[in-house]
Amino acid sequence: MQRVRQLWGRFLGARSAAVRPPTRLIVGLGNPGPKYAQTRHNIGFRIVEALARRHHGEWRRDRGLNSRISHVELDGERCALVEPQTFMNHSGRAVRAALERWPQLDPATDLLVVYDDLDLPPGRIRLRPSGGAGGHRGIQDILQELDSRQIPRLRFGVGHPGSSREVLDWVLSSFDVEEESSCLPDALERAIGAIELTIREGLTPAMGQFNSIT
């Protein structure tokens, strides 16, 4: 049975590769399954899902990438939206597999990783062209798998519980009712706008417009 699954995954990968390849790769980080869907740690998934809805993308499971994937057109760019199904700490495997499938993509310019950040207030976003992991194990795994810090990213603030001992429970908890109603709707719109501007005009203009918004 495992052999059949492997062959099926390769078939799906070959079929996908026959379609016009993407020119951009946008990866949202999170953990798979309904248990984690509304947690702070899954805001990367929520952002790329909202982006797919806006641009009429349809999701499917790509076993070759061990990810959910949706293709959308943004200002003439064919963008592959990817949600690794590897669990957060092994996100780099899925990203490396995507870049191996589409070797024309340069991670320093064509990749954007979207994930949660404890050091930013809820709803605040920060775009950066490179940097370290800042303690985030998902982006850390990506940097290690790609052997590079030159990975563009969008960090979305989820706040900090105040104590390092509470961090794990915090990121695996849901946003509270007030945050969901008063903060997140506008913040998600800003995140989508930041991604769209990055694709349309580049990372530097998007940083100038969105990084200063509090």
C-alpha atoms as a PDB file:
ATOM      1  CA  MET A   1       0.000   0.000   0.000  1.00  0.00           C
ATOM      2  CA  GLN A   2       2.846   2.394   0.822  1.00  0.00           C
ATOM      3  CA  ARG A   3       4.346   1.737  -2.631  1.00  0.00           C
ATOM      4  CA  VAL A   4       1.014   2.522  -4.294  1.00  0.00           C
ATOM      5  CA  ARG A   5       0.797   5.802  -2.389  1.00  0.00           C
ATOM      6  CA  GLN A   6       4.317   6.750  -3.456  1.00  0.00           C
ATOM      7  CA  LEU A   7       3.557   6.039  -7.116  1.00  0.00           C
ATOM      8  CA  TRP A   8       0.300   7.984  -6.879  1.00  0.00           C
ATOM      9  CA  GLY A   9       2.143  10.927  -5.357  1.00  0.00           C
ATOM     10  CA  ARG A  10       4.670  10.872  -8.208  1.00  0.00           C
ATOM     11  CA  PHE A  11       1.847  10.723 -10.750  1.00  0.00           C
ATOM     12  CA  LEU A  12       0.164  13.746  -9.184  1.00  0.00           C
ATOM     13  CA  GLY A  13       3.455  15.581  -9.124  1.00  0.00           C
ATOM     14  CA  ALA A  14       4.110  14.847 -12.804  1.00  0.00           C
ATOM     15  CA  ARG A  15       0.585  15.920 -13.726  1.00  0.00           C
ATOM     16  CA  SER A  16       1.013  19.156 -11.778  1.00  0.00           C
ATOM     17  CA  ALA A  17       4.375  19.860 -13.386  1.00  0.00           C
ATOM     18  CA  ALA A  18       2.782  19.563 -16.847  1.00  0.00           C
ATOM     19  CA  VAL A  19       0.620  22.581 -16.057  1.00  0.00           C
ATOM     20  CA  ARG A  20       2.112  26.061 -16.570  1.00  0.00           C
ATOM     21  CA  PRO A  21       4.637  26.343 -13.743  1.00  0.00           C
ATOM     22  CA  PRO A  22       4.303  29.066 -11.124  1.00  0.00           C
ATOM     23  CA  THR A  23       6.426  32.185 -11.150  1.00  0.00           C
ATOM     24  CA  ARG A  24       5.946  32.782  -7.405  1.00  0.00           C
ATOM     25  CA  LEU A  25       5.700  30.530  -4.375  1.00  0.00           C
ATOM     26  CA  ILE A  26       3.731  31.754  -1.339  1.00  0.00           C
ATOM     27  CA  VAL A  27       3.950  29.437   1.656  1.00  0.00           C
ATOM     28  CA  GLY A  28       1.709  29.766   4.695  1.00  0.00           C
ATOM     29  CA  LEU A  29       2.890  27.951   7.799  1.00  0.00           C
ATOM     30  CA  GLY A  30       0.729  26.048  10.256  1.00  0.00           C
ATOM     31  CA  ASN A  31      -0.249  22.621  11.522  1.00  0.00           C
ATOM     32  CA  PRO A  32      -2.658  20.360   9.613  1.00  0.00           C
ATOM     33  CA  GLY A  33      -6.065  19.307  10.873  1.00  0.00           C
ATOM     34  CA  PRO A  34      -9.150  20.948  12.396  1.00  0.00           C
ATOM     35  CA  LYS A  35      -7.654  20.782  15.894  1.00  0.00           C
ATOM     36  CA  TYR A  36      -5.206  23.537  14.978  1.00  0.00           C
ATOM     37  CA  ALA A  37      -7.193  25.477  12.379  1.00  0.00           C
ATOM     38  CA  GLN A  38      -8.051  28.503  14.521  1.00  0.00           C
ATOM     39  CA  THR A  39      -4.876  28.645  16.609  1.00  0.00           C
ATOM     40  CA  ARG A  40      -2.439  31.555  16.606  1.00  0.00           C
ATOM     41  CA  HIS A  41       0.227  29.272  15.165  1.00  0.00           C
ATOM     42  CA  ASN A  42      -1.947  28.702  12.072  1.00  0.00           C
ATOM     43  CA  ILE A  43      -2.353  32.306  11.015  1.00  0.00           C
ATOM     44  CA  GLY A  44      -0.096  31.597   8.020  1.00  0.00           C
ATOM     45  CA  PHE A  45      -2.632  29.056   6.778  1.00  0.00           C
ATOM     46  CA  ARG A  46      -5.488  31.483   7.359  1.00  0.00           C
ATOM     47  CA  ILE A  47      -3.794  34.224   5.350  1.00  0.00           C
ATOM     48  CA  VAL A  48      -3.069  32.127   2.261  1.00  0.00           C
ATOM     49  CA  GLU A  49      -6.574  30.636   2.442  1.00  0.00           C
ATOM     50  CA  ALA A  50      -8.068  34.134   2.482  1.00  0.00           C
ATOM     51  CA  LEU A  51      -5.841  35.071  -0.458  1.00  0.00           C
ATOM     52  CA  ALA A  52      -7.029  32.000  -2.379  1.00  0.00           C
ATOM     53  CA  ARG A  53     -10.679  32.879  -1.708  1.00  0.00           C
ATOM     54  CA  ARG A  54     -10.204  36.404  -3.007  1.00  0.00           C
ATOM     55  CA  HIS A  55      -8.660  35.152  -6.239  1.00  0.00           C
ATOM     56  CA  HIS A  56     -10.905  32.085  -6.687  1.00  0.00           C
ATOM     57  CA  GLY A  57      -8.241  29.495  -6.042  1.00  0.00           C
ATOM     58  CA  GLU A  58      -9.172  25.885  -5.359  1.00  0.00           C
ATOM     59  CA  TRP A  59      -7.230  23.748  -2.914  1.00  0.00           C
ATOM     60  CA  ARG A  60      -6.109  20.166  -3.486  1.00  0.00           C
ATOM     61  CA  ARG A  61      -3.788  17.763  -1.726  1.00  0.00           C
ATOM     62  CA  ASP A  62      -0.441  17.298  -3.458  1.00  0.00           C
ATOM     63  CA  ARG A  63       1.109  14.154  -2.023  1.00  0.00           C
ATOM     64  CA  GLY A  64       4.347  14.719  -3.910  1.00  0.00           C
ATOM     65  CA  LEU A  65       4.867  17.923  -1.935  1.00  0.00           C
ATOM     66  CA  ASN A  66       3.129  16.686   1.227  1.00  0.00           C
ATOM     67  CA  SER A  67       1.117  19.903   1.065  1.00  0.00           C
ATOM     68  CA  ARG A  68      -2.185  21.455   0.174  1.00  0.00           C
ATOM     69  CA  ILE A  69      -1.771  23.666  -2.865  1.00  0.00           C
ATOM     70  CA  SER A  70      -3.781  26.259  -4.780  1.00  0.00           C
ATOM     71  CA  HIS A  71      -2.828  28.173  -7.922  1.00  0.00           C
ATOM     72  CA  VAL A  72      -3.970  31.769  -8.405  1.00  0.00           C
ATOM     73  CA  GLU A  73      -3.166  34.602 -10.791  1.00  0.00           C
ATOM     74  CA  LEU A  74      -1.939  37.842  -9.202  1.00  0.00           C
ATOM     75  CA  ASP A  75      -1.212  40.668 -11.630  1.00  0.00           C
ATOM     76  CA  GLY A  76      -0.156  38.269 -14.355  1.00  0.00           C
ATOM     77  CA  GLU A  77       1.972  36.151 -12.021  1.00  0.00           C
ATOM     78  CA  ARG A  78       1.011  32.523 -11.549  1.00  0.00           C
ATOM     79  CA  CYS A  79       1.346  31.960  -7.821  1.00  0.00           C
ATOM     80  CA  ALA A  80       1.439  28.611  -6.073  1.00  0.00           C
ATOM     81  CA  LEU A  81      -0.047  28.908  -2.595  1.00  0.00           C
ATOM     82  CA  VAL A  82       1.278  26.134  -0.376  1.00  0.00           C
ATOM     83  CA  GLU A  83       0.267  24.818   3.042  1.00  0.00           C
ATOM     84  CA  PRO A  84       2.781  22.190   4.214  1.00  0.00           C
ATOM     85  CA  GLN A  85       1.095  19.212   5.871  1.00  0.00           C
ATOM     86  CA  THR A  86       4.296  18.150   7.617  1.00  0.00           C
ATOM     87  CA  PHE A  87       3.482  19.900  10.907  1.00  0.00           C
ATOM     88  CA  MET A  88       5.166  23.179  11.673  1.00  0.00           C
ATOM     89  CA  ASN A  89       8.592  21.966  12.777  1.00  0.00           C
ATOM     90  CA  HIS A  90       9.214  20.163   9.464  1.00  0.00           C
ATOM     91  CA  SER A  91       7.916  22.840   7.086  1.00  0.00           C
ATOM     92  CA  GLY A  92      11.252  23.016   5.296  1.00  0.00           C
ATOM     93  CA  ARG A  93      10.800  19.592   3.731  1.00  0.00           C
ATOM     94  CA  ALA A  94       7.706  20.718   1.833  1.00  0.00           C
ATOM     95  CA  VAL A  95       9.287  24.014   0.762  1.00  0.00           C
ATOM     96  CA  ARG A  96      12.419  22.269  -0.496  1.00  0.00           C
ATOM     97  CA  ALA A  97      10.273  19.746  -2.398  1.00  0.00           C
ATOM     98  CA  ALA A  98       8.358  22.601  -4.086  1.00  0.00           C
ATOM     99  CA  LEU A  99      11.577  24.332  -5.122  1.00  0.00           C
ATOM    100  CA  GLU A 100      12.928  21.046  -6.478  1.00  0.00           C
ATOM    101  CA  ARG A 101       9.773  20.580  -8.535  1.00  0.00           C
ATOM    102  CA  TRP A 102       9.993  24.142  -9.871  1.00  0.00           C
ATOM    103  CA  PRO A 103      13.747  24.796 -10.088  1.00  0.00           C
ATOM    104  CA  GLN A 104      13.206  28.011 -12.045  1.00  0.00           C
ATOM    105  CA  LEU A 105      12.118  29.671  -8.790  1.00  0.00           C
ATOM    106  CA  ASP A 106      14.772  31.556  -6.845  1.00  0.00           C
ATOM    107  CA  PRO A 107      13.932  31.435  -3.121  1.00  0.00           C
ATOM    108  CA  ALA A 108      15.610  34.814  -2.556  1.00  0.00           C
ATOM    109  CA  THR A 109      13.210  36.570  -4.941  1.00  0.00           C
ATOM    110  CA  ASP A 110      10.310  34.250  -5.821  1.00  0.00           C
ATOM    111  CA  LEU A 111       9.435  32.782  -2.413  1.00  0.00           C
ATOM    112  CA  LEU A 112       7.403  34.429   0.355  1.00  0.00           C
ATOM    113  CA  VAL A 113       6.844  32.645   3.665  1.00  0.00           C
ATOM    114  CA  VAL A 114       3.921  33.758   5.852  1.00  0.00           C
ATOM    115  CA  TYR A 115       3.903  32.889   9.547  1.00  0.00           C
ATOM    116  CA  ASP A 116       3.038  33.952  13.088  1.00  0.00           C
ATOM    117  CA  ASP A 117       5.291  36.108  15.260  1.00  0.00           C
ATOM    118  CA  LEU A 118       5.209  36.297  19.063  1.00  0.00           C
ATOM    119  CA  ASP A 119       7.200  39.527  19.202  1.00  0.00           C
ATOM    120  CA  LEU A 120       4.626  41.575  17.292  1.00  0.00           C
ATOM    121  CA  PRO A 121       1.307  42.752  18.744  1.00  0.00           C
ATOM    122  CA  PRO A 122      -1.755  40.925  17.408  1.00  0.00           C
ATOM    123  CA  GLY A 123      -2.458  41.933  13.830  1.00  0.00           C
ATOM    124  CA  ARG A 124       0.799  43.834  13.212  1.00  0.00           C
ATOM    125  CA  ILE A 125       2.654  42.704  10.093  1.00  0.00           C
ATOM    126  CA  ARG A 126       6.295  42.959   9.086  1.00  0.00           C
ATOM    127  CA  LEU A 127       7.819  42.169   5.717  1.00  0.00           C
ATOM    128  CA  ARG A 128      11.521  41.367   5.483  1.00  0.00           C
ATOM    129  CA  PRO A 129      13.764  40.092   2.665  1.00  0.00           C
ATOM    130  CA  SER A 130      15.928  37.955   4.948  1.00  0.00           C
ATOM    131  CA  GLY A 131      16.917  37.232   8.536  1.00  0.00           C
ATOM    132  CA  GLY A 132      17.076  34.573  11.187  1.00  0.00           C
ATOM    133  CA  ALA A 133      14.346  32.427  12.666  1.00  0.00           C
ATOM    134  CA  GLY A 134      13.731  34.455  15.819  1.00  0.00           C
ATOM    135  CA  GLY A 135      12.877  31.250  17.666  1.00  0.00           C
ATOM    136  CA  HIS A 136      10.177  30.187  15.195  1.00  0.00           C
ATOM    137  CA  ARG A 137      10.733  26.519  14.429  1.00  0.00           C
ATOM    138  CA  GLY A 138       8.839  26.511  11.151  1.00  0.00           C
ATOM    139  CA  ILE A 139      10.925  29.204   9.491  1.00  0.00           C
ATOM    140  CA  GLN A 140      14.016  27.780  11.194  1.00  0.00           C
ATOM    141  CA  ASP A 141      13.458  24.455   9.445  1.00  0.00           C
ATOM    142  CA  ILE A 142      13.033  26.246   6.112  1.00  0.00           C
ATOM    143  CA  LEU A 143      16.285  28.179   6.575  1.00  0.00           C
ATOM    144  CA  GLN A 144      18.088  24.954   7.429  1.00  0.00           C
ATOM    145  CA  GLU A 145      16.627  22.947   4.551  1.00  0.00           C
ATOM    146  CA  LEU A 146      17.457  25.689   2.032  1.00  0.00           C
ATOM    147  CA  ASP A 147      20.765  26.552   3.713  1.00  0.00           C
ATOM    148  CA  SER A 148      20.041  30.261   3.384  1.00  0.00           C
ATOM    149  CA  ARG A 149      18.820  33.223   5.435  1.00  0.00           C
ATOM    150  CA  GLN A 150      17.848  35.077   2.245  1.00  0.00           C
ATOM    151  CA  ILE A 151      14.219  34.040   2.459  1.00  0.00           C
ATOM    152  CA  PRO A 152      11.576  36.783   2.114  1.00  0.00           C
ATOM    153  CA  ARG A 153       8.911  36.564   4.772  1.00  0.00           C
ATOM    154  CA  LEU A 154       5.749  38.153   6.126  1.00  0.00           C
ATOM    155  CA  ARG A 155       5.452  37.923   9.900  1.00  0.00           C
ATOM    156  CA  PHE A 156       2.014  38.366  11.430  1.00  0.00           C
ATOM    157  CA  GLY A 157       1.816  39.357  15.078  1.00  0.00           C
ATOM    158  CA  VAL A 158      -0.004  37.058  17.476  1.00  0.00           C
ATOM    159  CA  GLY A 159       1.154  38.711  20.702  1.00  0.00           C
ATOM    160  CA  HIS A 160       3.130  37.235  23.585  1.00  0.00           C
ATOM    161  CA  PRO A 161       1.759  35.623  26.754  1.00  0.00           C
ATOM    162  CA  GLY A 162       4.359  37.403  28.884  1.00  0.00           C
ATOM    163  CA  SER A 163       6.228  34.310  30.024  1.00  0.00           C
ATOM    164  CA  SER A 164       8.405  31.964  27.992  1.00  0.00           C
ATOM    165  CA  ARG A 165       6.902  29.033  29.899  1.00  0.00           C
ATOM    166  CA  GLU A 166       3.488  29.848  28.457  1.00  0.00           C
ATOM    167  CA  VAL A 167       4.538  30.239  24.833  1.00  0.00           C
ATOM    168  CA  LEU A 168       3.619  26.733  23.630  1.00  0.00           C
ATOM    169  CA  ASP A 169       0.126  26.863  25.091  1.00  0.00           C
ATOM    170  CA  TRP A 170      -0.249  30.404  23.746  1.00  0.00           C
ATOM    171  CA  VAL A 171       0.534  29.665  20.105  1.00  0.00           C
ATOM    172  CA  LEU A 172      -1.670  26.565  20.200  1.00  0.00           C
ATOM    173  CA  SER A 173      -4.599  28.553  21.584  1.00  0.00           C
ATOM    174  CA  SER A 174      -7.187  30.467  19.583  1.00  0.00           C
ATOM    175  CA  PHE A 175      -7.428  34.219  19.306  1.00  0.00           C
ATOM    176  CA  ASP A 176      -9.903  35.581  21.818  1.00  0.00           C
ATOM    177  CA  VAL A 177     -13.335  36.822  20.802  1.00  0.00           C
ATOM    178  CA  GLU A 178     -12.341  40.492  20.858  1.00  0.00           C
ATOM    179  CA  GLU A 179      -9.282  39.884  18.678  1.00  0.00           C
ATOM    180  CA  GLU A 180     -11.323  37.881  16.179  1.00  0.00           C
ATOM    181  CA  SER A 181     -13.959  40.606  15.901  1.00  0.00           C
ATOM    182  CA  SER A 182     -12.015  43.856  16.235  1.00  0.00           C
ATOM    183  CA  CYS A 183      -8.437  43.130  15.180  1.00  0.00           C
ATOM    184  CA  LEU A 184      -8.136  40.183  12.845  1.00  0.00           C
ATOM    185  CA  PRO A 185     -10.512  41.138   9.992  1.00  0.00           C
ATOM    186  CA  ASP A 186      -8.610  44.346   9.160  1.00  0.00           C
ATOM    187  CA  ALA A 187      -5.251  42.722   9.856  1.00  0.00           C
ATOM    188  CA  LEU A 188      -5.963  39.840   7.491  1.00  0.00           C
ATOM    189  CA  GLU A 189      -6.939  42.337   4.809  1.00  0.00           C
ATOM    190  CA  ARG A 190      -3.642  44.168   5.341  1.00  0.00           C
ATOM    191  CA  ALA A 191      -1.707  40.942   5.077  1.00  0.00           C
ATOM    192  CA  ILE A 192      -3.422  40.068   1.805  1.00  0.00           C
ATOM    193  CA  GLY A 193      -2.791  43.586   0.514  1.00  0.00           C
ATOM    194  CA  ALA A 194       0.871  43.317   1.473  1.00  0.00           C
ATOM    195  CA  ILE A 195       1.251  40.053  -0.446  1.00  0.00           C
ATOM    196  CA  GLU A 196      -0.535  41.469  -3.484  1.00  0.00           C
ATOM    197  CA  LEU A 197       1.671  44.582  -3.499  1.00  0.00           C
ATOM    198  CA  THR A 198       4.783  42.440  -3.086  1.00  0.00           C
ATOM    199  CA  ILE A 199       3.807  40.450  -6.168  1.00  0.00           C
ATOM    200  CA  ARG A 200       2.803  43.548  -8.133  1.00  0.00           C
ATOM    201  CA  GLU A 201       5.606  45.998  -7.292  1.00  0.00           C
ATOM    202  CA  GLY A 202       8.170  44.154  -5.202  1.00  0.00           C
ATOM    203  CA  LEU A 203       9.072  43.669  -1.574  1.00  0.00           C
ATOM    204  CA  THR A 204      10.621  47.099  -0.961  1.00  0.00           C
ATOM    205  CA  PRO A 205       7.488  49.132  -1.852  1.00  0.00           C
ATOM    206  CA  ALA A 206       5.353  46.729   0.182  1.00  0.00           C
ATOM    207  CA  MET A 207       7.654  47.106   3.188  1.00  0.00           C
ATOM    208  CA  GLY A 208       7.431  50.881   2.901  1.00  0.00           C
ATOM    209  CA  GLN A 209       3.646  50.849   2.831  1.00  0.00           C
ATOM    210  CA  PHE A 210       2.780  48.126   5.337  1.00  0.00           C
ATOM    211  CA  ASN A 211       5.593  47.886   7.889  1.00  0.00           C
ATOM    212  CA  SER A 212       4.753  51.282   9.354  1.00  0.00           C
ATOM    213  CA  ILE A 213       1.076  50.500   9.962  1.00  0.00           C
ATOM    214  CA  THR A 214       0.366  49.916  13.644  1.00  0.00           C
END
